[in-house]
């Protein structure tokens, strides 16, 4: 059988499972800003999300409903239209980047990182925040600002993960595979 004219990858899944896979990857990308996945899934994901970004830039009701249908949750669809798309107005295409990461240890599959080309946190929001804090901080003493920054940094710092079975060791025959 010839392979001419067959578009897209099957990933060894049924049609509805493939659609759910791509929707889930798109959801994670919009929610987190970047994801790690296999190279083939990344290559299939990028055009899907690029089309959604193009629709989100238009931002009218019809396109918003199409984006909601293409994603799993309305929260991420609204986030794409209201927050992400305005930050990407400067580009006409090429919003996403695929970076190769190497191979997965277990099955030697090619891994890739999919992320937005432009910084989503945005310099515009940072400058707006600085301008807002300058106007409110002019009346307050400088020492209070330093204390506020220290307390907020300590609150935002990630806590060290705890390991429940830190002292537990697996038997040597399980680690090496020998009995």
Protein backbone atom coordinates (compact mmCIF):
# COMPACT_ATOMS: atom_id res chain seq x y z
CA UNK A 1 0.00 0.00 0.00
CA UNK A 2 1.33 3.41 -0.86
CA UNK A 3 1.64 6.24 1.63
CA UNK A 4 0.83 9.15 -0.72
CA UNK A 5 -1.63 11.74 0.47
CA UNK A 6 -1.98 10.49 4.05
CA UNK A 7 -1.58 13.49 6.28
CA UNK A 8 -0.67 13.41 9.96
CA UNK A 9 0.78 10.87 12.35
CA UNK A 10 -1.24 8.06 13.90
CA UNK A 11 0.80 7.47 17.10
CA UNK A 12 -0.64 3.93 17.27
CA UNK A 13 -3.98 5.30 18.47
CA UNK A 14 -7.56 5.48 17.31
CA UNK A 15 -8.84 8.78 15.90
CA UNK A 16 -10.60 9.92 19.06
CA UNK A 17 -7.57 9.02 21.17
CA UNK A 18 -5.30 11.04 18.86
CA UNK A 19 -7.60 14.06 19.11
CA UNK A 20 -7.67 13.78 22.89
CA UNK A 21 -3.87 13.51 22.97
CA UNK A 22 -3.37 16.67 20.90
CA UNK A 23 -6.02 18.53 22.91
CA UNK A 24 -4.32 17.54 26.15
CA UNK A 25 -0.91 18.63 24.91
CA UNK A 26 -2.35 21.96 23.71
CA UNK A 27 -4.01 22.48 27.10
CA UNK A 28 -0.75 21.85 28.94
CA UNK A 29 1.16 24.17 26.61
CA UNK A 30 -1.30 27.03 27.12
CA UNK A 31 -1.45 26.45 30.86
CA UNK A 32 2.29 26.13 31.53
CA UNK A 33 3.88 28.05 28.65
CA UNK A 34 6.17 25.17 27.65
CA UNK A 35 6.05 21.38 27.74
CA UNK A 36 8.42 18.47 27.23
CA UNK A 37 7.20 15.69 24.94
CA UNK A 38 8.45 13.46 22.15
CA UNK A 39 9.65 15.12 18.95
CA UNK A 40 6.93 13.63 16.75
CA UNK A 41 4.16 14.74 19.11
CA UNK A 42 5.71 18.21 19.23
CA UNK A 43 5.76 18.41 15.44
CA UNK A 44 2.10 17.44 15.34
CA UNK A 45 1.17 19.86 18.14
CA UNK A 46 2.76 23.05 16.79
CA UNK A 47 0.50 23.57 13.72
CA UNK A 48 -2.57 22.77 15.84
CA UNK A 49 -1.75 25.45 18.42
CA UNK A 50 -0.59 27.93 15.74
CA UNK A 51 -4.07 27.76 14.18
CA UNK A 52 -5.63 28.36 17.60
CA UNK A 53 -3.40 31.38 18.21
CA UNK A 54 -4.38 32.85 14.84
CA UNK A 55 -8.06 32.48 15.78
CA UNK A 56 -7.41 33.90 19.24
CA UNK A 57 -5.86 37.04 17.74
CA UNK A 58 -9.14 37.80 15.98
CA UNK A 59 -10.89 37.35 19.30
CA UNK A 60 -14.49 37.55 18.09
CA UNK A 61 -17.24 35.30 19.44
CA UNK A 62 -17.16 32.80 16.58
CA UNK A 63 -13.40 32.23 16.87
CA UNK A 64 -13.63 32.05 20.67
CA UNK A 65 -16.22 29.28 20.37
CA UNK A 66 -14.03 27.41 17.90
CA UNK A 67 -11.11 27.63 20.35
CA UNK A 68 -13.31 26.33 23.18
CA UNK A 69 -14.26 23.39 20.97
CA UNK A 70 -10.60 22.73 20.11
CA UNK A 71 -9.47 22.73 23.76
CA UNK A 72 -10.72 20.76 26.74
CA UNK A 73 -11.50 23.59 29.18
CA UNK A 74 -13.03 27.02 28.68
CA UNK A 75 -10.58 28.45 31.21
CA UNK A 76 -7.57 27.79 28.97
CA UNK A 77 -9.50 28.91 25.89
CA UNK A 78 -10.28 32.23 27.54
CA UNK A 79 -6.68 32.49 28.76
CA UNK A 80 -5.46 32.02 25.20
CA UNK A 81 -7.79 34.71 23.82
CA UNK A 82 -7.55 37.24 26.66
CA UNK A 83 -3.98 36.92 27.93
CA UNK A 84 -1.70 35.13 25.46
CA UNK A 85 -2.96 36.38 22.08
CA UNK A 86 -2.56 40.12 22.87
CA UNK A 87 1.09 39.50 23.79
CA UNK A 88 1.68 37.81 20.42
CA UNK A 89 0.17 40.58 18.24
CA UNK A 90 3.61 41.54 16.89
CA UNK A 91 4.00 38.26 14.99
CA UNK A 92 2.02 36.94 12.07
CA UNK A 93 3.22 33.34 12.48
CA UNK A 94 5.93 31.25 14.09
CA UNK A 95 4.71 31.70 17.67
CA UNK A 96 6.07 28.36 18.91
CA UNK A 97 9.55 26.88 19.04
CA UNK A 98 10.65 23.24 19.17
CA UNK A 99 13.98 22.54 20.90
CA UNK A 100 15.45 19.05 20.79
CA UNK A 101 16.40 17.77 24.25
CA UNK A 102 18.04 14.42 23.51
CA UNK A 103 16.77 10.90 23.97
CA UNK A 104 14.59 9.35 26.64
CA UNK A 105 16.39 6.81 28.79
CA UNK A 106 13.83 4.02 28.66
CA UNK A 107 13.02 3.67 24.98
CA UNK A 108 15.53 6.06 23.37
CA UNK A 109 12.73 8.25 21.93
CA UNK A 110 13.65 11.74 20.75
CA UNK A 111 12.49 14.35 23.27
CA UNK A 112 11.65 17.96 22.51
CA UNK A 113 10.55 21.08 24.36
CA UNK A 114 7.73 23.15 22.86
CA UNK A 115 7.56 26.75 24.05
CA UNK A 116 6.43 30.18 22.92
CA UNK A 117 9.01 32.22 21.02
CA UNK A 118 8.07 35.47 22.76
CA UNK A 119 8.24 35.76 26.53
CA UNK A 120 4.66 35.41 27.78
CA UNK A 121 5.29 37.00 31.14
CA UNK A 122 5.86 40.12 29.13
CA UNK A 123 7.98 43.15 29.69
CA UNK A 124 4.90 45.35 29.33
CA UNK A 125 3.30 43.96 32.47
CA UNK A 126 6.57 44.26 34.39
CA UNK A 127 6.99 47.92 33.42
CA UNK A 128 3.36 48.62 34.31
CA UNK A 129 3.90 47.03 37.72
CA UNK A 130 7.06 49.07 38.29
CA UNK A 131 5.26 52.27 37.32
CA UNK A 132 2.39 51.42 39.66
CA UNK A 133 4.73 50.64 42.57
CA UNK A 134 6.73 53.83 42.04
CA UNK A 135 3.64 55.98 42.40
CA UNK A 136 2.51 54.19 45.57
CA UNK A 137 5.99 53.74 47.10
CA UNK A 138 6.96 57.43 46.99
CA UNK A 139 5.12 58.10 50.24
CA UNK A 140 6.40 55.01 52.09
CA UNK A 141 9.90 54.81 53.66
CA UNK A 142 12.51 52.73 51.83
CA UNK A 143 13.11 50.32 54.73
CA UNK A 144 9.54 49.04 54.57
CA UNK A 145 9.98 48.22 50.89
CA UNK A 146 13.03 46.12 51.64
CA UNK A 147 11.22 44.20 54.34
CA UNK A 148 8.23 43.64 52.08
CA UNK A 149 10.44 42.27 49.31
CA UNK A 150 12.19 39.87 51.71
CA UNK A 151 8.95 38.53 53.09
CA UNK A 152 7.40 38.07 49.67
CA UNK A 153 10.52 36.33 48.36
CA UNK A 154 10.55 33.94 51.32
CA UNK A 155 6.86 33.20 50.77
CA UNK A 156 7.36 32.57 47.06
CA UNK A 157 10.49 30.43 47.44
CA UNK A 158 9.82 26.78 46.63
CA UNK A 159 9.95 24.43 49.58
CA UNK A 160 12.23 21.42 49.50
CA UNK A 161 10.39 18.22 48.64
CA UNK A 162 10.35 15.59 51.34
CA UNK A 163 10.99 11.96 50.55
CA UNK A 164 8.89 9.58 52.63
CA UNK A 165 11.20 6.56 52.31
CA UNK A 166 14.59 8.24 52.19
CA UNK A 167 16.34 5.46 54.14
CA UNK A 168 14.62 2.60 52.31
CA UNK A 169 16.82 0.80 49.80
CA UNK A 170 15.59 -1.61 47.14
CA UNK A 171 17.13 -5.06 47.21
CA UNK A 172 20.15 -5.42 44.96
CA UNK A 173 18.56 -8.10 42.75
CA UNK A 174 15.74 -5.65 41.85
CA UNK A 175 18.15 -2.93 40.83
CA UNK A 176 20.39 -5.07 38.66
CA UNK A 177 17.78 -7.42 37.28
CA UNK A 178 19.75 -10.50 38.45
CA UNK A 179 18.19 -13.05 40.82
